[in-house]
Amino acid sequence: MRLTSILFRGFKIPGARFKGKVRMVKRVTPIALNDLRNDFKIEEKNMLYLRYPFLTLEQSKALTKELKNQEVKQIVKKVTAIDEKFSAKSTRIVDQLKHLRITEDWDVIK
């Protein structure tokens, strides 16, 4: 058992296997070449989109300005809603509990 484990252990490099002076070099396979070609095609498409953008510079500036205005309007709307919710309105307990009323004579406030 010990002899077979020594004979079948294979060649192992200490440390980082794919770096340095005594490194293992992966073989180039057709699958790896195909993957590399696909990566280059994707990169070329991305560069094409970057070279010819969908919007011109002026259109892009106008769009960002409009989006900022919409964002500001939404923020103002949220702040005003919060202010209205927590404003110091004078409320009475009767107004807060009016949903509990029933239509019996002894419970009606006159």
PDB file of N, CA and C in Angstrom:
ATOM      1  N   MET A   1       0.832  -1.192   0.000  1.00  0.00           N
ATOM      2  CA  MET A   1       0.000   0.000   0.000  1.00  0.00           C
ATOM      3  C   MET A   1       0.871   1.249   0.000  1.00  0.00           C
ATOM      4  N   ARG A   2       1.896   1.253   0.828  1.00  0.00           N
ATOM      5  CA  ARG A   2       2.763   2.431   0.886  1.00  0.00           C
ATOM      6  C   ARG A   2       3.524   2.619  -0.416  1.00  0.00           C
ATOM      7  N   LEU A   3       3.955   1.523  -1.018  1.00  0.00           N
ATOM      8  CA  LEU A   3       4.697   1.613  -2.265  1.00  0.00           C
ATOM      9  C   LEU A   3       3.820   2.158  -3.393  1.00  0.00           C
ATOM     10  N   THR A   4       2.558   1.692  -3.452  1.00  0.00           N
ATOM     11  CA  THR A   4       1.676   2.183  -4.513  1.00  0.00           C
ATOM     12  C   THR A   4       1.336   3.655  -4.312  1.00  0.00           C
ATOM     13  N   SER A   5       1.148   4.085  -3.070  1.00  0.00           N
ATOM     14  CA  SER A   5       0.841   5.499  -2.850  1.00  0.00           C
ATOM     15  C   SER A   5       2.023   6.382  -3.231  1.00  0.00           C
ATOM     16  N   ILE A   6       3.245   5.879  -3.044  1.00  0.00           N
ATOM     17  CA  ILE A   6       4.429   6.636  -3.451  1.00  0.00           C
ATOM     18  C   ILE A   6       4.542   6.656  -4.965  1.00  0.00           C
ATOM     19  N   LEU A   7       4.279   5.537  -5.616  1.00  0.00           N
ATOM     20  CA  LEU A   7       4.433   5.468  -7.061  1.00  0.00           C
ATOM     21  C   LEU A   7       3.328   6.221  -7.810  1.00  0.00           C
ATOM     22  N   PHE A   8       2.130   6.254  -7.257  1.00  0.00           N
ATOM     23  CA  PHE A   8       1.002   6.877  -7.944  1.00  0.00           C
ATOM     24  C   PHE A   8       0.714   8.307  -7.500  1.00  0.00           C
ATOM     25  N   ARG A   9       1.597   8.907  -6.732  1.00  0.00           N
ATOM     26  CA  ARG A   9       1.305  10.242  -6.232  1.00  0.00           C
ATOM     27  C   ARG A   9       1.410  11.300  -7.316  1.00  0.00           C
ATOM     28  N   GLY A  10       2.170  11.071  -8.358  1.00  0.00           N
ATOM     29  CA  GLY A  10       2.271  12.024  -9.460  1.00  0.00           C
ATOM     30  C   GLY A  10       3.244  13.140  -9.150  1.00  0.00           C
ATOM     31  N   PHE A  11       3.398  14.011 -10.105  1.00  0.00           N
ATOM     32  CA  PHE A  11       4.326  15.127  -9.984  1.00  0.00           C
ATOM     33  C   PHE A  11       3.586  16.329  -9.402  1.00  0.00           C
ATOM     34  N   LYS A  12       4.000  16.782  -8.229  1.00  0.00           N
ATOM     35  CA  LYS A  12       3.357  17.924  -7.594  1.00  0.00           C
ATOM     36  C   LYS A  12       4.389  19.007  -7.339  1.00  0.00           C
ATOM     37  N   ILE A  13       4.030  20.207  -7.703  1.00  0.00           N
ATOM     38  CA  ILE A  13       4.907  21.348  -7.506  1.00  0.00           C
ATOM     39  C   ILE A  13       4.501  22.035  -6.209  1.00  0.00           C
ATOM     40  N   PRO A  14       5.452  22.389  -5.366  1.00  0.00           N
ATOM     41  CA  PRO A  14       5.091  23.110  -4.145  1.00  0.00           C
ATOM     42  C   PRO A  14       4.702  24.555  -4.455  1.00  0.00           C
ATOM     43  N   GLY A  15       3.762  25.086  -3.682  1.00  0.00           N
ATOM     44  CA  GLY A  15       3.386  26.488  -3.839  1.00  0.00           C
ATOM     45  C   GLY A  15       2.386  26.713  -4.952  1.00  0.00           C
ATOM     46  N   ALA A  16       2.497  27.888  -5.576  1.00  0.00           N
ATOM     47  CA  ALA A  16       1.599  28.252  -6.668  1.00  0.00           C
ATOM     48  C   ALA A  16       1.978  27.455  -7.906  1.00  0.00           C
ATOM     49  N   ARG A  17       1.061  26.682  -8.424  1.00  0.00           N
ATOM     50  CA  ARG A  17       1.372  25.747  -9.509  1.00  0.00           C
ATOM     51  C   ARG A  17       1.541  26.421 -10.861  1.00  0.00           C
ATOM     52  N   PHE A  18       0.867  27.527 -11.090  1.00  0.00           N
ATOM     53  CA  PHE A  18       0.875  28.130 -12.416  1.00  0.00           C
ATOM     54  C   PHE A  18       1.670  29.431 -12.453  1.00  0.00           C
ATOM     55  N   LYS A  19       2.539  29.665 -11.458  1.00  0.00           N
ATOM     56  CA  LYS A  19       3.387  30.856 -11.422  1.00  0.00           C
ATOM     57  C   LYS A  19       4.819  30.436 -11.139  1.00  0.00           C
ATOM     58  N   GLY A  20       5.726  31.267 -11.504  1.00  0.00           N
ATOM     59  CA  GLY A  20       7.111  31.072 -11.109  1.00  0.00           C
ATOM     60  C   GLY A  20       7.956  30.305 -12.099  1.00  0.00           C
ATOM     61  N   LYS A  21       9.153  29.909 -11.607  1.00  0.00           N
ATOM     62  CA  LYS A  21      10.163  29.276 -12.457  1.00  0.00           C
ATOM     63  C   LYS A  21       9.757  27.862 -12.869  1.00  0.00           C
ATOM     64  N   VAL A  22       9.325  27.059 -11.913  1.00  0.00           N
ATOM     65  CA  VAL A  22       8.953  25.671 -12.192  1.00  0.00           C
ATOM     66  C   VAL A  22       7.429  25.594 -12.184  1.00  0.00           C
ATOM     67  N   ARG A  23       6.799  26.076 -13.224  1.00  0.00           N
ATOM     68  CA  ARG A  23       5.343  26.134 -13.256  1.00  0.00           C
ATOM     69  C   ARG A  23       4.773  25.108 -14.220  1.00  0.00           C
ATOM     70  N   MET A  24       3.531  24.766 -13.989  1.00  0.00           N
ATOM     71  CA  MET A  24       2.815  23.892 -14.907  1.00  0.00           C
ATOM     72  C   MET A  24       2.141  24.777 -15.950  1.00  0.00           C
ATOM     73  N   VAL A  25       2.290  24.449 -17.189  1.00  0.00           N
ATOM     74  CA  VAL A  25       1.688  25.216 -18.269  1.00  0.00           C
ATOM     75  C   VAL A  25       0.515  24.415 -18.815  1.00  0.00           C
ATOM     76  N   LYS A  26      -0.643  25.048 -18.853  1.00  0.00           N
ATOM     77  CA  LYS A  26      -1.823  24.361 -19.377  1.00  0.00           C
ATOM     78  C   LYS A  26      -1.701  24.210 -20.881  1.00  0.00           C
ATOM     79  N   ARG A  27      -2.176  23.094 -21.379  1.00  0.00           N
ATOM     80  CA  ARG A  27      -2.170  22.863 -22.817  1.00  0.00           C
ATOM     81  C   ARG A  27      -3.293  23.663 -23.468  1.00  0.00           C
ATOM     82  N   VAL A  28      -3.032  24.129 -24.667  1.00  0.00           N
ATOM     83  CA  VAL A  28      -4.041  24.875 -25.410  1.00  0.00           C
ATOM     84  C   VAL A  28      -4.958  23.878 -26.102  1.00  0.00           C
ATOM     85  N   THR A  29      -6.234  23.949 -25.774  1.00  0.00           N
ATOM     86  CA  THR A  29      -7.217  23.037 -26.352  1.00  0.00           C
ATOM     87  C   THR A  29      -8.121  23.805 -27.318  1.00  0.00           C
ATOM     88  N   PRO A  30      -8.771  23.102 -28.214  1.00  0.00           N
ATOM     89  CA  PRO A  30      -9.709  23.788 -29.123  1.00  0.00           C
ATOM     90  C   PRO A  30     -10.855  24.480 -28.380  1.00  0.00           C
ATOM     91  N   ILE A  31     -11.271  23.917 -27.270  1.00  0.00           N
ATOM     92  CA  ILE A  31     -12.349  24.535 -26.485  1.00  0.00           C
ATOM     93  C   ILE A  31     -11.886  25.871 -25.919  1.00  0.00           C
ATOM     94  N   ALA A  32     -10.640  25.906 -25.401  1.00  0.00           N
ATOM     95  CA  ALA A  32     -10.104  27.149 -24.863  1.00  0.00           C
ATOM     96  C   ALA A  32      -9.961  28.204 -25.959  1.00  0.00           C
ATOM     97  N   LEU A  33      -9.531  27.779 -27.151  1.00  0.00           N
ATOM     98  CA  LEU A  33      -9.418  28.717 -28.271  1.00  0.00           C
ATOM     99  C   LEU A  33     -10.785  29.272 -28.672  1.00  0.00           C
ATOM    100  N   ASN A  34     -11.784  28.411 -28.679  1.00  0.00           N
ATOM    101  CA  ASN A  34     -13.140  28.848 -29.022  1.00  0.00           C
ATOM    102  C   ASN A  34     -13.667  29.840 -27.982  1.00  0.00           C
ATOM    103  N   ASP A  35     -13.427  29.565 -26.704  1.00  0.00           N
ATOM    104  CA  ASP A  35     -13.845  30.489 -25.649  1.00  0.00           C
ATOM    105  C   ASP A  35     -13.160  31.841 -25.802  1.00  0.00           C
ATOM    106  N   LEU A  36     -11.875  31.823 -26.143  1.00  0.00           N
ATOM    107  CA  LEU A  36     -11.131  33.063 -26.328  1.00  0.00           C
ATOM    108  C   LEU A  36     -11.677  33.852 -27.521  1.00  0.00           C
ATOM    109  N   ARG A  37     -12.025  33.160 -28.598  1.00  0.00           N
ATOM    110  CA  ARG A  37     -12.620  33.830 -29.756  1.00  0.00           C
ATOM    111  C   ARG A  37     -13.947  34.484 -29.379  1.00  0.00           C
ATOM    112  N   ASN A  38     -14.767  33.755 -28.625  1.00  0.00           N
ATOM    113  CA  ASN A  38     -16.057  34.313 -28.194  1.00  0.00           C
ATOM    114  C   ASN A  38     -15.857  35.541 -27.314  1.00  0.00           C
ATOM    115  N   ASP A  39     -14.874  35.492 -26.421  1.00  0.00           N
ATOM    116  CA  ASP A  39     -14.583  36.647 -25.576  1.00  0.00           C
ATOM    117  C   ASP A  39     -14.165  37.846 -26.414  1.00  0.00           C
ATOM    118  N   PHE A  40     -13.345  37.610 -27.445  1.00  0.00           N
ATOM    119  CA  PHE A  40     -12.925  38.703 -28.318  1.00  0.00           C
ATOM    120  C   PHE A  40     -14.108  39.283 -29.098  1.00  0.00           C
ATOM    121  N   LYS A  41     -15.045  38.415 -29.528  1.00  0.00           N
ATOM    122  CA  LYS A  41     -16.225  38.899 -30.242  1.00  0.00           C
ATOM    123  C   LYS A  41     -17.090  39.782 -29.339  1.00  0.00           C
ATOM    124  N   ILE A  42     -17.278  39.341 -28.107  1.00  0.00           N
ATOM    125  CA  ILE A  42     -18.072  40.123 -27.158  1.00  0.00           C
ATOM    126  C   ILE A  42     -17.400  41.463 -26.882  1.00  0.00           C
ATOM    127  N   GLU A  43     -16.085  41.438 -26.710  1.00  0.00           N
ATOM    128  CA  GLU A  43     -15.338  42.669 -26.460  1.00  0.00           C
ATOM    129  C   GLU A  43     -15.442  43.626 -27.650  1.00  0.00           C
ATOM    130  N   GLU A  44     -15.402  43.084 -28.857  1.00  0.00           N
ATOM    131  CA  GLU A  44     -15.523  43.916 -30.057  1.00  0.00           C
ATOM    132  C   GLU A  44     -16.909  44.554 -30.148  1.00  0.00           C
ATOM    133  N   LYS A  45     -17.958  43.806 -29.789  1.00  0.00           N
ATOM    134  CA  LYS A  45     -19.308  44.379 -29.777  1.00  0.00           C
ATOM    135  C   LYS A  45     -19.409  45.511 -28.761  1.00  0.00           C
ATOM    136  N   ASN A  46     -18.834  45.295 -27.579  1.00  0.00           N
ATOM    137  CA  ASN A  46     -18.860  46.338 -26.555  1.00  0.00           C
ATOM    138  C   ASN A  46     -18.139  47.596 -27.027  1.00  0.00           C
ATOM    139  N   MET A  47     -16.992  47.422 -27.675  1.00  0.00           N
ATOM    140  CA  MET A  47     -16.251  48.578 -28.178  1.00  0.00           C
ATOM    141  C   MET A  47     -17.044  49.296 -29.270  1.00  0.00           C
ATOM    142  N   LEU A  48     -17.779  48.550 -30.091  1.00  0.00           N
ATOM    143  CA  LEU A  48     -18.613  49.163 -31.121  1.00  0.00           C
ATOM    144  C   LEU A  48     -19.700  50.026 -30.486  1.00  0.00           C
ATOM    145  N   TYR A  49     -20.339  49.507 -29.429  1.00  0.00           N
ATOM    146  CA  TYR A  49     -21.370  50.284 -28.743  1.00  0.00           C
ATOM    147  C   TYR A  49     -20.779  51.524 -28.089  1.00  0.00           C
ATOM    148  N   LEU A  50     -19.570  51.419 -27.587  1.00  0.00           N
ATOM    149  CA  LEU A  50     -18.949  52.585 -26.962  1.00  0.00           C
ATOM    150  C   LEU A  50     -18.525  53.625 -28.005  1.00  0.00           C
ATOM    151  N   ARG A  51     -18.126  53.175 -29.176  1.00  0.00           N
ATOM    152  CA  ARG A  51     -17.714  54.111 -30.226  1.00  0.00           C
ATOM    153  C   ARG A  51     -18.896  54.877 -30.800  1.00  0.00           C
ATOM    154  N   TYR A  52     -20.036  54.212 -30.969  1.00  0.00           N
ATOM    155  CA  TYR A  52     -21.216  54.841 -31.551  1.00  0.00           C
ATOM    156  C   TYR A  52     -22.363  54.774 -30.544  1.00  0.00           C
ATOM    157  N   PRO A  53     -22.446  55.733 -29.638  1.00  0.00           N
ATOM    158  CA  PRO A  53     -23.492  55.677 -28.614  1.00  0.00           C
ATOM    159  C   PRO A  53     -24.876  55.928 -29.208  1.00  0.00           C
ATOM    160  N   PHE A  54     -25.888  55.524 -28.465  1.00  0.00           N
ATOM    161  CA  PHE A  54     -27.270  55.651 -28.914  1.00  0.00           C
ATOM    162  C   PHE A  54     -27.694  57.119 -28.949  1.00  0.00           C
ATOM    163  N   LEU A  55     -27.238  57.905 -27.956  1.00  0.00           N
ATOM    164  CA  LEU A  55     -27.591  59.315 -27.867  1.00  0.00           C
ATOM    165  C   LEU A  55     -26.377  60.179 -28.182  1.00  0.00           C
ATOM    166  N   THR A  56     -26.649  61.354 -28.725  1.00  0.00           N
ATOM    167  CA  THR A  56     -25.556  62.302 -28.915  1.00  0.00           C
ATOM    168  C   THR A  56     -25.241  62.954 -27.575  1.00  0.00           C
ATOM    169  N   LEU A  57     -24.191  63.742 -27.537  1.00  0.00           N
ATOM    170  CA  LEU A  57     -23.782  64.385 -26.292  1.00  0.00           C
ATOM    171  C   LEU A  57     -24.840  65.376 -25.813  1.00  0.00           C
ATOM    172  N   GLU A  58     -25.432  66.131 -26.730  1.00  0.00           N
ATOM    173  CA  GLU A  58     -26.459  67.108 -26.360  1.00  0.00           C
ATOM    174  C   GLU A  58     -27.716  66.411 -25.843  1.00  0.00           C
ATOM    175  N   GLN A  59     -28.103  65.320 -26.510  1.00  0.00           N
ATOM    176  CA  GLN A  59     -29.273  64.570 -26.057  1.00  0.00           C
ATOM    177  C   GLN A  59     -29.032  63.976 -24.674  1.00  0.00           C
ATOM    178  N   SER A  60     -27.834  63.509 -24.452  1.00  0.00           N
ATOM    179  CA  SER A  60     -27.504  62.924 -23.159  1.00  0.00           C
ATOM    180  C   SER A  60     -27.568  63.972 -22.052  1.00  0.00           C
ATOM    181  N   LYS A  61     -27.052  65.176 -22.324  1.00  0.00           N
ATOM    182  CA  LYS A  61     -27.104  66.248 -21.320  1.00  0.00           C
ATOM    183  C   LYS A  61     -28.540  66.642 -21.012  1.00  0.00           C
ATOM    184  N   ALA A  62     -29.372  66.758 -22.051  1.00  0.00           N
ATOM    185  CA  ALA A  62     -30.773  67.117 -21.844  1.00  0.00           C
ATOM    186  C   ALA A  62     -31.498  66.038 -21.043  1.00  0.00           C
ATOM    187  N   LEU A  63     -31.187  64.786 -21.326  1.00  0.00           N
ATOM    188  CA  LEU A  63     -31.829  63.686 -20.608  1.00  0.00           C
ATOM    189  C   LEU A  63     -31.445  63.687 -19.134  1.00  0.00           C
ATOM    190  N   THR A  64     -30.164  63.878 -18.839  1.00  0.00           N
ATOM    191  CA  THR A  64     -29.744  63.902 -17.435  1.00  0.00           C
ATOM    192  C   THR A  64     -30.361  65.075 -16.699  1.00  0.00           C
ATOM    193  N   LYS A  65     -30.490  66.226 -17.370  1.00  0.00           N
ATOM    194  CA  LYS A  65     -31.115  67.390 -16.741  1.00  0.00           C
ATOM    195  C   LYS A  65     -32.575  67.100 -16.405  1.00  0.00           C
ATOM    196  N   GLU A  66     -33.285  66.479 -17.342  1.00  0.00           N
ATOM    197  CA  GLU A  66     -34.687  66.148 -17.118  1.00  0.00           C
ATOM    198  C   GLU A  66     -34.842  65.121 -15.996  1.00  0.00           C
ATOM    199  N   LEU A  67     -33.964  64.125 -15.966  1.00  0.00           N
ATOM    200  CA  LEU A  67     -34.039  63.116 -14.907  1.00  0.00           C
ATOM    201  C   LEU A  67     -33.763  63.725 -13.544  1.00  0.00           C
ATOM    202  N   LYS A  68     -32.811  64.667 -13.484  1.00  0.00           N
ATOM    203  CA  LYS A  68     -32.536  65.334 -12.210  1.00  0.00           C
ATOM    204  C   LYS A  68     -33.748  66.121 -11.743  1.00  0.00           C
ATOM    205  N   ASN A  69     -34.428  66.815 -12.680  1.00  0.00           N
ATOM    206  CA  ASN A  69     -35.631  67.562 -12.313  1.00  0.00           C
ATOM    207  C   ASN A  69     -36.707  66.632 -11.773  1.00  0.00           C
ATOM    208  N   GLN A  70     -36.888  65.479 -12.399  1.00  0.00           N
ATOM    209  CA  GLN A  70     -37.884  64.518 -11.922  1.00  0.00           C
ATOM    210  C   GLN A  70     -37.516  63.999 -10.538  1.00  0.00           C
ATOM    211  N   GLU A  71     -36.224  63.736 -10.314  1.00  0.00           N
ATOM    212  CA  GLU A  71     -35.793  63.249  -9.002  1.00  0.00           C
ATOM    213  C   GLU A  71     -36.050  64.300  -7.933  1.00  0.00           C
ATOM    214  N   VAL A  72     -35.763  65.566  -8.254  1.00  0.00           N
ATOM    215  CA  VAL A  72     -35.991  66.643  -7.290  1.00  0.00           C
ATOM    216  C   VAL A  72     -37.474  66.751  -6.975  1.00  0.00           C
ATOM    217  N   LYS A  73     -38.321  66.648  -8.004  1.00  0.00           N
ATOM    218  CA  LYS A  73     -39.766  66.720  -7.776  1.00  0.00           C
ATOM    219  C   LYS A  73     -40.246  65.583  -6.879  1.00  0.00           C
ATOM    220  N   GLN A  74     -39.718  64.387  -7.088  1.00  0.00           N
ATOM    221  CA  GLN A  74     -40.113  63.253  -6.253  1.00  0.00           C
ATOM    222  C   GLN A  74     -39.669  63.451  -4.812  1.00  0.00           C
ATOM    223  N   ILE A  75     -38.465  63.977  -4.621  1.00  0.00           N
ATOM    224  CA  ILE A  75     -37.966  64.203  -3.263  1.00  0.00           C
ATOM    225  C   ILE A  75     -38.819  65.250  -2.558  1.00  0.00           C
ATOM    226  N   VAL A  76     -39.155  66.335  -3.261  1.00  0.00           N
ATOM    227  CA  VAL A  76     -39.994  67.382  -2.670  1.00  0.00           C
ATOM    228  C   VAL A  76     -41.363  66.822  -2.312  1.00  0.00           C
ATOM    229  N   LYS A  77     -41.902  65.977  -3.171  1.00  0.00           N
ATOM    230  CA  LYS A  77     -43.211  65.373  -2.907  1.00  0.00           C
ATOM    231  C   LYS A  77     -43.175  64.502  -1.651  1.00  0.00           C
ATOM    232  N   LYS A  78     -42.107  63.715  -1.496  1.00  0.00           N
ATOM    233  CA  LYS A  78     -41.977  62.874  -0.304  1.00  0.00           C
ATOM    234  C   LYS A  78     -41.851  63.712   0.959  1.00  0.00           C
ATOM    235  N   VAL A  79     -41.057  64.778   0.884  1.00  0.00           N
ATOM    236  CA  VAL A  79     -40.853  65.630   2.061  1.00  0.00           C
ATOM    237  C   VAL A  79     -42.151  66.309   2.458  1.00  0.00           C
ATOM    238  N   THR A  80     -42.905  66.807   1.484  1.00  0.00           N
ATOM    239  CA  THR A  80     -44.173  67.452   1.818  1.00  0.00           C
ATOM    240  C   THR A  80     -45.173  66.448   2.390  1.00  0.00           C
ATOM    241  N   ALA A  81     -45.160  65.224   1.890  1.00  0.00           N
ATOM    242  CA  ALA A  81     -46.058  64.204   2.443  1.00  0.00           C
ATOM    243  C   ALA A  81     -45.698  63.903   3.894  1.00  0.00           C
ATOM    244  N   ILE A  82     -44.408  63.837   4.186  1.00  0.00           N
ATOM    245  CA  ILE A  82     -43.977  63.589   5.568  1.00  0.00           C
ATOM    246  C   ILE A  82     -44.353  64.767   6.455  1.00  0.00           C
ATOM    247  N   ASP A  83     -44.179  65.997   5.942  1.00  0.00           N
ATOM    248  CA  ASP A  83     -44.539  67.181   6.722  1.00  0.00           C
ATOM    249  C   ASP A  83     -46.032  67.211   7.020  1.00  0.00           C
ATOM    250  N   GLU A  84     -46.853  66.873   6.032  1.00  0.00           N
ATOM    251  CA  GLU A  84     -48.299  66.857   6.253  1.00  0.00           C
ATOM    252  C   GLU A  84     -48.698  65.786   7.257  1.00  0.00           C
ATOM    253  N   LYS A  85     -47.983  64.674   7.229  1.00  0.00           N
ATOM    254  CA  LYS A  85     -48.317  63.577   8.140  1.00  0.00           C
ATOM    255  C   LYS A  85     -48.020  63.953   9.588  1.00  0.00           C
ATOM    256  N   PHE A  86     -46.892  64.627   9.803  1.00  0.00           N
ATOM    257  CA  PHE A  86     -46.471  64.927  11.167  1.00  0.00           C
ATOM    258  C   PHE A  86     -46.686  66.389  11.554  1.00  0.00           C
ATOM    259  N   SER A  87     -47.516  67.093  10.817  1.00  0.00           N
ATOM    260  CA  SER A  87     -47.760  68.491  11.167  1.00  0.00           C
ATOM    261  C   SER A  87     -48.587  68.551  12.448  1.00  0.00           C
ATOM    262  N   ALA A  88     -48.488  69.675  13.116  1.00  0.00           N
ATOM    263  CA  ALA A  88     -49.140  69.826  14.423  1.00  0.00           C
ATOM    264  C   ALA A  88     -50.571  70.317  14.235  1.00  0.00           C
ATOM    265  N   LYS A  89     -51.437  69.476  13.744  1.00  0.00           N
ATOM    266  CA  LYS A  89     -52.843  69.820  13.618  1.00  0.00           C
ATOM    267  C   LYS A  89     -53.509  69.584  14.967  1.00  0.00           C
ATOM    268  N   SER A  90     -54.489  70.407  15.263  1.00  0.00           N
ATOM    269  CA  SER A  90     -55.205  70.206  16.516  1.00  0.00           C
ATOM    270  C   SER A  90     -56.262  69.122  16.292  1.00  0.00           C
ATOM    271  N   THR A  91     -56.074  67.993  16.921  1.00  0.00           N
ATOM    272  CA  THR A  91     -57.029  66.897  16.794  1.00  0.00           C
ATOM    273  C   THR A  91     -57.599  66.583  18.164  1.00  0.00           C
ATOM    274  N   ARG A  92     -58.815  66.113  18.160  1.00  0.00           N
ATOM    275  CA  ARG A  92     -59.464  65.725  19.403  1.00  0.00           C
ATOM    276  C   ARG A  92     -59.595  64.211  19.444  1.00  0.00           C
ATOM    277  N   ILE A  93     -59.775  63.697  20.614  1.00  0.00           N
ATOM    278  CA  ILE A  93     -59.934  62.256  20.775  1.00  0.00           C
ATOM    279  C   ILE A  93     -61.219  61.797  20.092  1.00  0.00           C
ATOM    280  N   VAL A  94     -62.222  62.633  20.094  1.00  0.00           N
ATOM    281  CA  VAL A  94     -63.486  62.290  19.446  1.00  0.00           C
ATOM    282  C   VAL A  94     -63.261  62.074  17.947  1.00  0.00           C
ATOM    283  N   ASP A  95     -62.442  62.918  17.353  1.00  0.00           N
ATOM    284  CA  ASP A  95     -62.165  62.762  15.922  1.00  0.00           C
ATOM    285  C   ASP A  95     -61.361  61.490  15.645  1.00  0.00           C
ATOM    286  N   GLN A  96     -60.478  61.152  16.552  1.00  0.00           N
ATOM    287  CA  GLN A  96     -59.648  59.969  16.331  1.00  0.00           C
ATOM    288  C   GLN A  96     -60.421  58.668  16.534  1.00  0.00           C
ATOM    289  N   LEU A  97     -61.424  58.701  17.407  1.00  0.00           N
ATOM    290  CA  LEU A  97     -62.160  57.478  17.729  1.00  0.00           C
ATOM    291  C   LEU A  97     -63.563  57.447  17.124  1.00  0.00           C
ATOM    292  N   LYS A  98     -63.840  58.286  16.139  1.00  0.00           N
ATOM    293  CA  LYS A  98     -65.195  58.337  15.580  1.00  0.00           C
ATOM    294  C   LYS A  98     -65.566  57.072  14.815  1.00  0.00           C
ATOM    295  N   HIS A  99     -64.580  56.288  14.391  1.00  0.00           N
ATOM    296  CA  HIS A  99     -64.895  55.047  13.679  1.00  0.00           C
ATOM    297  C   HIS A  99     -65.455  53.982  14.622  1.00  0.00           C
ATOM    298  N   LEU A 100     -65.346  54.214  15.929  1.00  0.00           N
ATOM    299  CA  LEU A 100     -65.857  53.241  16.895  1.00  0.00           C
ATOM    300  C   LEU A 100     -67.313  53.506  17.287  1.00  0.00           C
ATOM    301  N   ARG A 101     -67.866  54.575  16.810  1.00  0.00           N
ATOM    302  CA  ARG A 101     -69.235  54.924  17.177  1.00  0.00           C
ATOM    303  C   ARG A 101     -70.233  53.933  16.594  1.00  0.00           C
ATOM    304  N   ILE A 102     -71.287  53.733  17.344  1.00  0.00           N
ATOM    305  CA  ILE A 102     -72.422  52.975  16.838  1.00  0.00           C
ATOM    306  C   ILE A 102     -73.665  53.850  16.975  1.00  0.00           C
ATOM    307  N   THR A 103     -74.724  53.448  16.345  1.00  0.00           N
ATOM    308  CA  THR A 103     -75.883  54.346  16.235  1.00  0.00           C
ATOM    309  C   THR A 103     -76.907  54.152  17.347  1.00  0.00           C
ATOM    310  N   GLU A 104     -76.478  53.768  18.507  1.00  0.00           N
ATOM    311  CA  GLU A 104     -77.430  53.655  19.607  1.00  0.00           C
ATOM    312  C   GLU A 104     -77.606  55.029  20.252  1.00  0.00           C
ATOM    313  N   ASP A 105     -78.761  55.243  20.848  1.00  0.00           N
ATOM    314  CA  ASP A 105     -79.090  56.556  21.390  1.00  0.00           C
ATOM    315  C   ASP A 105     -78.166  56.969  22.524  1.00  0.00           C
ATOM    316  N   TRP A 106     -77.815  56.042  23.387  1.00  0.00           N
ATOM    317  CA  TRP A 106     -77.006  56.403  24.546  1.00  0.00           C
ATOM    318  C   TRP A 106     -75.566  56.729  24.159  1.00  0.00           C
ATOM    319  N   ASP A 107     -75.132  56.343  22.925  1.00  0.00           N
ATOM    320  CA  ASP A 107     -73.742  56.547  22.525  1.00  0.00           C
ATOM    321  C   ASP A 107     -73.564  57.760  21.609  1.00  0.00           C
ATOM    322  N   VAL A 108     -74.652  58.325  21.129  1.00  0.00           N
ATOM    323  CA  VAL A 108     -74.566  59.441  20.190  1.00  0.00           C
ATOM    324  C   VAL A 108     -74.219  60.709  20.948  1.00  0.00           C
ATOM    325  N   ILE A 109     -73.233  61.439  20.447  1.00  0.00           N
ATOM    326  CA  ILE A 109     -72.848  62.715  21.056  1.00  0.00           C
ATOM    327  C   ILE A 109     -73.657  63.810  20.383  1.00  0.00           C
ATOM    328  N   LYS A 110     -74.305  64.643  21.209  1.00  0.00           N
ATOM    329  CA  LYS A 110     -75.151  65.701  20.654  1.00  0.00           C
ATOM    330  C   LYS A 110     -74.546  67.042  20.900  1.00  0.00           C
TER     331      LYS A 110
END
